[in-house]
């Protein structure tokens, strides 16, 4: 499954078993990328809590973060993550792989509100060229009604997605779907 010894779902105990149970209940399986995090049960639990936080957001924000995760995974050459996220986007929002590829080439095609399209553009710019972010970029989003919490959450999740992409690639997480 990966280069590190992870806790198998059937052998899980304690905190890992509890978190795996929640993941299975919500997702129907425990993806290998989350099993990788079982190497450190506190990190696994923190990641799952982050997923639950994002799941509590309004639909357009969840869709934005899902699309952003997909785009980050493609840009970071994480085939495991991009395939998993693409599958989940299709299941949750009915967006096809062809539509995701179209969005990849033209962010304006993302099925999001105008403000979330702008937040998506800002987020990708922020993680790719952070030194180019200016106060007027933030002000433009605020003028569209985007709250600073939304800006922070989306950029923070993009940065986190980068680390998940790298962990998947470094530790050779195998596809399990």
N, C-alpha and C. Protein backbone atom coordinates (compact mmCIF):
# COMPACT_ATOMS: atom_id res chain seq x y z
N UNK A 1 0.81 -1.19 0.00
CA UNK A 1 0.00 0.00 0.00
C UNK A 1 0.85 1.26 0.00
N UNK A 2 1.94 1.28 0.77
CA UNK A 2 2.86 2.42 0.76
C UNK A 2 4.21 1.94 1.29
N UNK A 3 5.18 2.83 1.27
CA UNK A 3 6.51 2.48 1.77
C UNK A 3 6.55 2.40 3.30
N UNK A 4 5.57 3.01 3.97
CA UNK A 4 5.51 2.95 5.42
C UNK A 4 4.49 1.91 5.87
N UNK A 5 4.71 1.33 7.03
CA UNK A 5 3.76 0.36 7.58
C UNK A 5 2.58 1.14 8.14
N UNK A 6 1.42 0.88 7.59
CA UNK A 6 0.20 1.55 8.02
C UNK A 6 -0.69 0.56 8.75
N UNK A 7 -1.72 1.09 9.38
CA UNK A 7 -2.66 0.24 10.12
C UNK A 7 -3.77 -0.17 9.16
N UNK A 8 -3.91 -1.48 8.95
CA UNK A 8 -4.97 -2.03 8.13
C UNK A 8 -6.30 -1.81 8.82
N UNK A 9 -7.34 -1.59 8.04
CA UNK A 9 -8.68 -1.32 8.60
C UNK A 9 -9.10 -2.44 9.55
N UNK A 10 -8.87 -3.70 9.19
CA UNK A 10 -9.30 -4.84 10.01
C UNK A 10 -8.49 -4.98 11.29
N UNK A 11 -7.29 -4.42 11.31
CA UNK A 11 -6.42 -4.55 12.48
C UNK A 11 -6.39 -3.30 13.35
N UNK A 12 -7.15 -2.29 12.99
CA UNK A 12 -7.11 -1.01 13.70
C UNK A 12 -7.61 -1.16 15.13
N UNK A 13 -7.01 -0.39 16.02
CA UNK A 13 -7.41 -0.36 17.43
C UNK A 13 -7.39 1.08 17.92
N UNK A 14 -8.07 1.32 19.03
CA UNK A 14 -8.02 2.62 19.69
C UNK A 14 -8.48 3.76 18.80
N UNK A 15 -7.73 4.87 18.84
CA UNK A 15 -8.07 6.07 18.10
C UNK A 15 -8.16 5.81 16.60
N UNK A 16 -7.25 5.00 16.07
CA UNK A 16 -7.25 4.71 14.63
C UNK A 16 -8.54 3.98 14.25
N UNK A 17 -8.94 3.00 15.06
CA UNK A 17 -10.18 2.26 14.79
C UNK A 17 -11.38 3.20 14.83
N UNK A 18 -11.40 4.09 15.79
CA UNK A 18 -12.51 5.04 15.92
C UNK A 18 -12.60 5.96 14.69
N UNK A 19 -11.46 6.51 14.27
CA UNK A 19 -11.45 7.40 13.12
C UNK A 19 -11.78 6.63 11.85
N UNK A 20 -11.20 5.45 11.68
CA UNK A 20 -11.53 4.62 10.51
C UNK A 20 -13.03 4.36 10.45
N UNK A 21 -13.65 4.08 11.59
CA UNK A 21 -15.09 3.82 11.62
C UNK A 21 -15.88 5.02 11.12
N UNK A 22 -15.48 6.22 11.53
CA UNK A 22 -16.15 7.43 11.04
C UNK A 22 -15.94 7.61 9.55
N UNK A 23 -14.73 7.36 9.08
CA UNK A 23 -14.43 7.52 7.66
C UNK A 23 -15.26 6.53 6.84
N UNK A 24 -15.27 5.27 7.26
CA UNK A 24 -16.06 4.26 6.54
C UNK A 24 -17.54 4.62 6.52
N UNK A 25 -18.04 5.13 7.63
CA UNK A 25 -19.44 5.52 7.69
C UNK A 25 -19.77 6.65 6.73
N UNK A 26 -18.83 7.56 6.54
CA UNK A 26 -19.07 8.73 5.68
C UNK A 26 -18.73 8.47 4.22
N UNK A 27 -17.68 7.70 3.98
CA UNK A 27 -17.15 7.54 2.62
C UNK A 27 -17.42 6.15 2.05
N UNK A 28 -17.62 5.17 2.94
CA UNK A 28 -17.83 3.80 2.47
C UNK A 28 -16.57 2.98 2.43
N UNK A 29 -15.43 3.60 2.66
CA UNK A 29 -14.13 2.94 2.66
C UNK A 29 -13.13 3.86 3.36
N UNK A 30 -11.95 3.35 3.66
CA UNK A 30 -10.87 4.19 4.17
C UNK A 30 -9.81 4.23 3.08
N UNK A 31 -9.77 5.32 2.30
CA UNK A 31 -8.80 5.41 1.21
C UNK A 31 -7.37 5.24 1.72
N UNK A 32 -6.53 4.67 0.89
CA UNK A 32 -5.14 4.42 1.26
C UNK A 32 -4.42 5.69 1.72
N UNK A 33 -4.76 6.84 1.13
CA UNK A 33 -4.09 8.08 1.54
C UNK A 33 -4.39 8.39 3.01
N UNK A 34 -5.59 8.06 3.47
CA UNK A 34 -5.91 8.28 4.88
C UNK A 34 -5.30 7.17 5.74
N UNK A 35 -5.20 5.96 5.21
CA UNK A 35 -4.53 4.89 5.94
C UNK A 35 -3.05 5.24 6.15
N UNK A 36 -2.44 5.94 5.19
CA UNK A 36 -1.06 6.37 5.36
C UNK A 36 -0.90 7.20 6.63
N UNK A 37 -1.89 8.02 6.92
CA UNK A 37 -1.82 8.89 8.09
C UNK A 37 -1.92 8.12 9.41
N UNK A 38 -2.29 6.84 9.35
CA UNK A 38 -2.36 6.04 10.57
C UNK A 38 -0.99 5.84 11.20
N UNK A 39 0.07 6.14 10.46
CA UNK A 39 1.42 6.09 11.02
C UNK A 39 1.50 7.00 12.24
N UNK A 40 0.71 8.08 12.23
CA UNK A 40 0.60 8.98 13.38
C UNK A 40 -0.88 9.22 13.65
N UNK A 41 -1.46 8.48 14.59
CA UNK A 41 -2.91 8.58 14.85
C UNK A 41 -3.42 10.00 15.12
N UNK A 42 -2.59 10.84 15.73
CA UNK A 42 -3.02 12.23 15.97
C UNK A 42 -3.18 13.00 14.66
N UNK A 43 -2.30 12.75 13.72
CA UNK A 43 -2.40 13.41 12.40
C UNK A 43 -3.61 12.87 11.66
N UNK A 44 -3.85 11.57 11.73
CA UNK A 44 -5.04 10.98 11.11
C UNK A 44 -6.30 11.64 11.66
N UNK A 45 -6.38 11.76 12.97
CA UNK A 45 -7.55 12.35 13.60
C UNK A 45 -7.70 13.83 13.20
N UNK A 46 -6.60 14.56 13.16
CA UNK A 46 -6.65 15.97 12.77
C UNK A 46 -7.11 16.12 11.33
N UNK A 47 -6.62 15.25 10.45
CA UNK A 47 -7.05 15.31 9.05
C UNK A 47 -8.53 15.00 8.93
N UNK A 48 -9.01 14.01 9.64
CA UNK A 48 -10.43 13.67 9.57
C UNK A 48 -11.28 14.82 10.12
N UNK A 49 -10.82 15.46 11.19
CA UNK A 49 -11.55 16.62 11.72
C UNK A 49 -11.60 17.75 10.69
N UNK A 50 -10.54 17.91 9.94
CA UNK A 50 -10.50 18.93 8.88
C UNK A 50 -11.52 18.58 7.79
N UNK A 51 -11.60 17.32 7.43
CA UNK A 51 -12.58 16.88 6.43
C UNK A 51 -13.99 17.15 6.93
N UNK A 52 -14.24 16.87 8.19
CA UNK A 52 -15.58 17.12 8.76
C UNK A 52 -15.89 18.61 8.78
N UNK A 53 -14.91 19.44 9.07
CA UNK A 53 -15.11 20.89 9.05
C UNK A 53 -15.51 21.34 7.64
N UNK A 54 -14.79 20.88 6.65
CA UNK A 54 -15.10 21.27 5.27
C UNK A 54 -16.46 20.73 4.86
N UNK A 55 -16.80 19.54 5.32
CA UNK A 55 -18.11 18.95 5.00
C UNK A 55 -19.26 19.75 5.58
N UNK A 56 -18.98 20.57 6.59
CA UNK A 56 -20.04 21.37 7.20
C UNK A 56 -20.29 22.68 6.46
N UNK A 57 -19.47 22.96 5.46
CA UNK A 57 -19.61 24.21 4.71
C UNK A 57 -20.79 24.15 3.76
N UNK A 58 -21.19 25.32 3.24
CA UNK A 58 -22.26 25.36 2.25
C UNK A 58 -21.79 24.67 0.97
N UNK A 59 -22.75 24.21 0.17
CA UNK A 59 -22.46 23.38 -1.00
C UNK A 59 -21.47 24.01 -1.97
N UNK A 60 -21.66 25.30 -2.31
CA UNK A 60 -20.77 25.93 -3.29
C UNK A 60 -19.34 25.99 -2.76
N UNK A 61 -19.17 26.20 -1.46
CA UNK A 61 -17.82 26.22 -0.87
C UNK A 61 -17.20 24.83 -0.89
N UNK A 62 -17.99 23.80 -0.60
CA UNK A 62 -17.47 22.43 -0.66
C UNK A 62 -17.05 22.08 -2.09
N UNK A 63 -17.88 22.49 -3.05
CA UNK A 63 -17.57 22.21 -4.45
C UNK A 63 -16.28 22.95 -4.86
N UNK A 64 -16.16 24.21 -4.43
CA UNK A 64 -14.94 24.98 -4.70
C UNK A 64 -13.71 24.25 -4.17
N UNK A 65 -13.77 23.82 -2.92
CA UNK A 65 -12.60 23.15 -2.33
C UNK A 65 -12.32 21.83 -3.04
N UNK A 66 -13.35 21.10 -3.43
CA UNK A 66 -13.15 19.85 -4.17
C UNK A 66 -12.45 20.10 -5.50
N UNK A 67 -12.93 21.09 -6.23
CA UNK A 67 -12.32 21.42 -7.52
C UNK A 67 -10.89 21.90 -7.33
N UNK A 68 -10.67 22.73 -6.32
CA UNK A 68 -9.32 23.21 -6.03
C UNK A 68 -8.39 22.04 -5.69
N UNK A 69 -8.88 21.11 -4.88
CA UNK A 69 -8.06 19.93 -4.54
C UNK A 69 -7.68 19.14 -5.79
N UNK A 70 -8.65 18.98 -6.68
CA UNK A 70 -8.37 18.27 -7.94
C UNK A 70 -7.29 19.00 -8.73
N UNK A 71 -7.48 20.30 -8.92
CA UNK A 71 -6.52 21.08 -9.71
C UNK A 71 -5.13 21.06 -9.08
N UNK A 72 -5.07 21.17 -7.76
CA UNK A 72 -3.77 21.10 -7.07
C UNK A 72 -3.12 19.73 -7.31
N UNK A 73 -3.91 18.68 -7.23
CA UNK A 73 -3.37 17.32 -7.41
C UNK A 73 -2.84 17.12 -8.81
N UNK A 74 -3.55 17.63 -9.80
CA UNK A 74 -3.07 17.53 -11.19
C UNK A 74 -1.78 18.32 -11.34
N UNK A 75 -1.78 19.54 -10.85
CA UNK A 75 -0.59 20.40 -10.97
C UNK A 75 0.61 19.82 -10.22
N UNK A 76 0.35 19.09 -9.14
CA UNK A 76 1.41 18.47 -8.35
C UNK A 76 1.73 17.05 -8.79
N UNK A 77 1.12 16.64 -9.90
CA UNK A 77 1.38 15.33 -10.49
C UNK A 77 1.12 14.17 -9.53
N UNK A 78 0.06 14.31 -8.74
CA UNK A 78 -0.32 13.23 -7.83
C UNK A 78 -1.48 12.47 -8.47
N UNK A 79 -1.16 11.41 -9.17
CA UNK A 79 -2.19 10.66 -9.90
C UNK A 79 -3.18 9.99 -8.94
N UNK A 80 -2.69 9.52 -7.79
CA UNK A 80 -3.60 8.92 -6.82
C UNK A 80 -4.64 9.94 -6.38
N UNK A 81 -4.18 11.10 -5.91
CA UNK A 81 -5.10 12.12 -5.38
C UNK A 81 -6.03 12.66 -6.46
N UNK A 82 -5.51 12.93 -7.64
CA UNK A 82 -6.38 13.48 -8.69
C UNK A 82 -7.45 12.47 -9.09
N UNK A 83 -7.10 11.19 -9.16
CA UNK A 83 -8.10 10.18 -9.52
C UNK A 83 -9.15 10.02 -8.42
N UNK A 84 -8.71 9.99 -7.16
CA UNK A 84 -9.65 9.85 -6.04
C UNK A 84 -10.59 11.05 -5.97
N UNK A 85 -10.04 12.25 -6.08
CA UNK A 85 -10.86 13.46 -5.98
C UNK A 85 -11.79 13.57 -7.18
N UNK A 86 -11.33 13.22 -8.36
CA UNK A 86 -12.18 13.23 -9.55
C UNK A 86 -13.38 12.31 -9.35
N UNK A 87 -13.14 11.12 -8.82
CA UNK A 87 -14.21 10.17 -8.56
C UNK A 87 -15.21 10.75 -7.56
N UNK A 88 -14.71 11.39 -6.51
CA UNK A 88 -15.59 11.95 -5.49
C UNK A 88 -16.38 13.15 -6.02
N UNK A 89 -15.74 13.96 -6.87
CA UNK A 89 -16.44 15.10 -7.48
C UNK A 89 -17.56 14.61 -8.38
N UNK A 90 -17.28 13.56 -9.13
CA UNK A 90 -18.32 13.00 -10.00
C UNK A 90 -19.48 12.46 -9.17
N UNK A 91 -19.16 11.75 -8.11
CA UNK A 91 -20.19 11.18 -7.24
C UNK A 91 -21.00 12.26 -6.52
N UNK A 92 -20.33 13.28 -6.02
CA UNK A 92 -20.99 14.31 -5.21
C UNK A 92 -21.65 15.42 -6.03
N UNK A 93 -21.08 15.75 -7.20
CA UNK A 93 -21.57 16.91 -7.95
C UNK A 93 -21.91 16.60 -9.40
N UNK A 94 -21.68 15.38 -9.84
CA UNK A 94 -22.02 15.02 -11.22
C UNK A 94 -21.10 15.63 -12.26
N UNK A 95 -19.94 16.12 -11.85
CA UNK A 95 -18.99 16.73 -12.78
C UNK A 95 -18.11 15.61 -13.35
N UNK A 96 -18.06 15.51 -14.67
CA UNK A 96 -17.31 14.43 -15.32
C UNK A 96 -15.82 14.76 -15.41
N UNK A 97 -15.04 13.74 -15.73
CA UNK A 97 -13.60 13.92 -15.93
C UNK A 97 -13.34 14.91 -17.07
N UNK A 98 -14.13 14.81 -18.12
CA UNK A 98 -13.97 15.73 -19.26
C UNK A 98 -14.23 17.17 -18.82
N UNK A 99 -15.25 17.37 -17.98
CA UNK A 99 -15.54 18.71 -17.48
C UNK A 99 -14.41 19.22 -16.58
N UNK A 100 -13.84 18.34 -15.77
CA UNK A 100 -12.72 18.74 -14.92
C UNK A 100 -11.51 19.15 -15.76
N UNK A 101 -11.27 18.41 -16.83
CA UNK A 101 -10.16 18.76 -17.72
C UNK A 101 -10.42 20.10 -18.38
N UNK A 102 -11.67 20.38 -18.72
CA UNK A 102 -12.03 21.67 -19.30
C UNK A 102 -11.79 22.80 -18.29
N UNK A 103 -12.16 22.57 -17.05
CA UNK A 103 -11.93 23.55 -15.98
C UNK A 103 -10.44 23.80 -15.80
N UNK A 104 -9.67 22.73 -15.90
CA UNK A 104 -8.22 22.82 -15.76
C UNK A 104 -7.65 23.83 -16.78
N UNK A 105 -8.21 23.82 -17.98
CA UNK A 105 -7.74 24.70 -19.05
C UNK A 105 -8.36 26.08 -19.00
N UNK A 106 -9.51 26.21 -18.34
CA UNK A 106 -10.22 27.49 -18.29
C UNK A 106 -11.03 27.54 -16.99
N UNK A 107 -10.48 28.19 -15.97
CA UNK A 107 -11.11 28.23 -14.65
C UNK A 107 -12.50 28.85 -14.69
N UNK A 108 -12.79 29.67 -15.68
CA UNK A 108 -14.12 30.30 -15.76
C UNK A 108 -15.21 29.27 -16.04
N UNK A 109 -14.82 28.06 -16.46
CA UNK A 109 -15.80 27.00 -16.73
C UNK A 109 -16.21 26.23 -15.47
N UNK A 110 -15.59 26.55 -14.37
CA UNK A 110 -15.94 25.87 -13.11
C UNK A 110 -17.39 26.19 -12.74
N UNK A 111 -18.18 25.18 -12.40
CA UNK A 111 -19.59 25.41 -12.04
C UNK A 111 -19.72 25.94 -10.61
N UNK A 112 -19.25 27.18 -10.45
CA UNK A 112 -19.23 27.85 -9.15
C UNK A 112 -19.82 29.24 -9.29
N UNK A 113 -20.20 29.82 -8.17
CA UNK A 113 -20.63 31.22 -8.18
C UNK A 113 -19.45 32.08 -8.65
N UNK A 114 -19.74 33.28 -9.12
CA UNK A 114 -18.70 34.18 -9.58
C UNK A 114 -17.67 34.44 -8.48
N UNK A 115 -18.13 34.66 -7.27
CA UNK A 115 -17.19 34.94 -6.18
C UNK A 115 -16.29 33.74 -5.90
N UNK A 116 -16.83 32.53 -5.98
CA UNK A 116 -15.99 31.35 -5.75
C UNK A 116 -15.06 31.05 -6.92
N UNK A 117 -15.46 31.43 -8.14
CA UNK A 117 -14.52 31.32 -9.27
C UNK A 117 -13.32 32.24 -9.03
N UNK A 118 -13.61 33.44 -8.55
CA UNK A 118 -12.52 34.39 -8.26
C UNK A 118 -11.66 33.89 -7.11
N UNK A 119 -12.29 33.30 -6.10
CA UNK A 119 -11.54 32.73 -4.98
C UNK A 119 -10.67 31.56 -5.45
N UNK A 120 -11.16 30.76 -6.37
CA UNK A 120 -10.37 29.67 -6.95
C UNK A 120 -9.15 30.23 -7.66
N UNK A 121 -9.34 31.23 -8.49
CA UNK A 121 -8.21 31.86 -9.20
C UNK A 121 -7.19 32.43 -8.21
N UNK A 122 -7.69 33.14 -7.20
CA UNK A 122 -6.82 33.71 -6.18
C UNK A 122 -6.02 32.62 -5.49
N UNK A 123 -6.68 31.54 -5.11
CA UNK A 123 -6.03 30.47 -4.36
C UNK A 123 -4.91 29.83 -5.17
N UNK A 124 -5.18 29.54 -6.43
CA UNK A 124 -4.15 28.92 -7.27
C UNK A 124 -2.98 29.87 -7.47
N UNK A 125 -3.28 31.17 -7.65
CA UNK A 125 -2.22 32.18 -7.76
C UNK A 125 -1.42 32.22 -6.46
N UNK A 126 -2.11 32.17 -5.33
CA UNK A 126 -1.45 32.27 -4.03
C UNK A 126 -0.46 31.13 -3.81
N UNK A 127 -0.84 29.92 -4.16
CA UNK A 127 0.06 28.79 -3.90
C UNK A 127 1.16 28.68 -4.94
N UNK A 128 0.91 29.19 -6.15
CA UNK A 128 1.93 29.10 -7.19
C UNK A 128 2.88 30.31 -7.19
N UNK A 129 2.36 31.47 -6.85
CA UNK A 129 3.16 32.70 -6.85
C UNK A 129 2.80 33.57 -5.65
N UNK A 130 3.10 33.12 -4.45
CA UNK A 130 2.67 33.84 -3.25
C UNK A 130 3.17 35.28 -3.18
N UNK A 131 4.34 35.52 -3.72
CA UNK A 131 4.88 36.88 -3.66
C UNK A 131 4.10 37.86 -4.53
N UNK A 132 3.26 37.36 -5.42
CA UNK A 132 2.45 38.22 -6.28
C UNK A 132 1.12 38.64 -5.64
N UNK A 133 0.78 38.07 -4.51
CA UNK A 133 -0.48 38.42 -3.85
C UNK A 133 -0.34 39.80 -3.21
N UNK A 134 -1.31 40.65 -3.49
CA UNK A 134 -1.31 42.03 -2.99
C UNK A 134 -2.61 42.28 -2.22
N UNK A 135 -2.62 43.35 -1.47
CA UNK A 135 -3.81 43.74 -0.70
C UNK A 135 -5.01 43.92 -1.60
N UNK A 136 -4.80 44.43 -2.80
CA UNK A 136 -5.95 44.63 -3.71
C UNK A 136 -6.57 43.31 -4.17
N UNK A 137 -5.78 42.23 -4.18
CA UNK A 137 -6.34 40.91 -4.52
C UNK A 137 -7.35 40.49 -3.45
N UNK A 138 -6.99 40.69 -2.20
CA UNK A 138 -7.89 40.36 -1.08
C UNK A 138 -9.11 41.28 -1.12
N UNK A 139 -8.88 42.56 -1.35
CA UNK A 139 -9.97 43.54 -1.40
C UNK A 139 -10.97 43.19 -2.50
N UNK A 140 -10.48 42.76 -3.64
CA UNK A 140 -11.35 42.36 -4.76
C UNK A 140 -12.29 41.24 -4.32
N UNK A 141 -11.76 40.26 -3.60
CA UNK A 141 -12.59 39.16 -3.11
C UNK A 141 -13.60 39.65 -2.08
N UNK A 142 -13.14 40.49 -1.18
CA UNK A 142 -14.05 41.03 -0.16
C UNK A 142 -15.18 41.84 -0.81
N UNK A 143 -14.84 42.58 -1.86
CA UNK A 143 -15.86 43.35 -2.58
C UNK A 143 -16.91 42.44 -3.23
N UNK A 144 -16.53 41.20 -3.51
CA UNK A 144 -17.47 40.22 -4.06
C UNK A 144 -18.25 39.50 -2.96
N UNK A 145 -17.98 39.85 -1.71
CA UNK A 145 -18.70 39.24 -0.59
C UNK A 145 -17.99 38.06 0.05
N UNK A 146 -16.76 37.80 -0.36
CA UNK A 146 -16.00 36.69 0.21
C UNK A 146 -15.42 37.14 1.56
N UNK A 147 -15.68 36.35 2.57
CA UNK A 147 -15.19 36.67 3.92
C UNK A 147 -13.72 36.23 4.06
N UNK A 148 -13.01 36.90 4.93
CA UNK A 148 -11.60 36.55 5.14
C UNK A 148 -11.44 35.11 5.61
N UNK A 149 -12.40 34.61 6.38
CA UNK A 149 -12.34 33.21 6.81
C UNK A 149 -12.37 32.28 5.60
N UNK A 150 -13.21 32.59 4.61
CA UNK A 150 -13.28 31.77 3.40
C UNK A 150 -11.97 31.82 2.63
N UNK A 151 -11.40 33.02 2.54
CA UNK A 151 -10.12 33.17 1.84
C UNK A 151 -9.06 32.32 2.54
N UNK A 152 -8.96 32.48 3.84
CA UNK A 152 -7.96 31.73 4.60
C UNK A 152 -8.19 30.22 4.49
N UNK A 153 -9.43 29.78 4.72
CA UNK A 153 -9.73 28.35 4.68
C UNK A 153 -9.37 27.73 3.33
N UNK A 154 -9.69 28.43 2.25
CA UNK A 154 -9.45 27.88 0.92
C UNK A 154 -7.95 27.83 0.61
N UNK A 155 -7.23 28.89 0.92
CA UNK A 155 -5.78 28.89 0.68
C UNK A 155 -5.10 27.88 1.60
N UNK A 156 -5.51 27.83 2.85
CA UNK A 156 -4.91 26.88 3.79
C UNK A 156 -5.14 25.45 3.29
N UNK A 157 -6.32 25.17 2.78
CA UNK A 157 -6.61 23.83 2.28
C UNK A 157 -5.78 23.52 1.03
N UNK A 158 -5.52 24.53 0.20
CA UNK A 158 -4.67 24.32 -0.98
C UNK A 158 -3.24 23.98 -0.56
N UNK A 159 -2.74 24.69 0.42
CA UNK A 159 -1.39 24.41 0.93
C UNK A 159 -1.34 23.01 1.54
N UNK A 160 -2.39 22.67 2.27
CA UNK A 160 -2.46 21.33 2.86
C UNK A 160 -2.55 20.25 1.77
N UNK A 161 -3.29 20.55 0.71
CA UNK A 161 -3.41 19.59 -0.40
C UNK A 161 -2.05 19.32 -1.02
N UNK A 162 -1.23 20.35 -1.11
CA UNK A 162 0.13 20.17 -1.62
C UNK A 162 0.87 19.14 -0.78
N UNK A 163 0.76 19.26 0.54
CA UNK A 163 1.47 18.31 1.40
C UNK A 163 0.91 16.90 1.25
N UNK A 164 -0.41 16.78 1.12
CA UNK A 164 -0.99 15.45 0.91
C UNK A 164 -0.54 14.86 -0.42
N UNK A 165 -0.47 15.70 -1.45
CA UNK A 165 0.02 15.23 -2.75
C UNK A 165 1.45 14.72 -2.63
N UNK A 166 2.29 15.46 -1.92
CA UNK A 166 3.68 15.05 -1.78
C UNK A 166 3.80 13.77 -0.94
N UNK A 167 3.04 13.67 0.14
CA UNK A 167 3.07 12.45 0.95
C UNK A 167 2.67 11.24 0.12
N UNK A 168 1.65 11.39 -0.69
CA UNK A 168 1.21 10.30 -1.55
C UNK A 168 2.31 9.87 -2.51
N UNK A 169 2.97 10.84 -3.11
CA UNK A 169 4.03 10.53 -4.07
C UNK A 169 5.28 9.98 -3.38
N UNK A 170 5.68 10.59 -2.28
CA UNK A 170 6.90 10.17 -1.58
C UNK A 170 6.77 8.73 -1.08
N UNK A 171 5.62 8.42 -0.47
CA UNK A 171 5.46 7.11 0.16
C UNK A 171 4.73 6.09 -0.74
N UNK A 172 4.56 6.46 -2.03
CA UNK A 172 4.05 5.53 -3.06
C UNK A 172 2.70 4.90 -2.68
N UNK A 173 1.75 5.77 -2.34
CA UNK A 173 0.41 5.28 -1.99
C UNK A 173 -0.22 4.66 -3.23
N UNK A 174 -0.68 3.42 -3.09
CA UNK A 174 -1.26 2.68 -4.21
C UNK A 174 -2.74 2.98 -4.35
N UNK A 175 -3.19 2.97 -5.59
CA UNK A 175 -4.61 3.19 -5.87
C UNK A 175 -5.44 2.04 -5.32
N UNK A 176 -6.56 2.37 -4.67
CA UNK A 176 -7.38 1.37 -4.01
C UNK A 176 -8.86 1.50 -4.39
N UNK A 177 -9.13 2.05 -5.54
CA UNK A 177 -10.51 2.25 -5.98
C UNK A 177 -10.58 2.04 -7.48
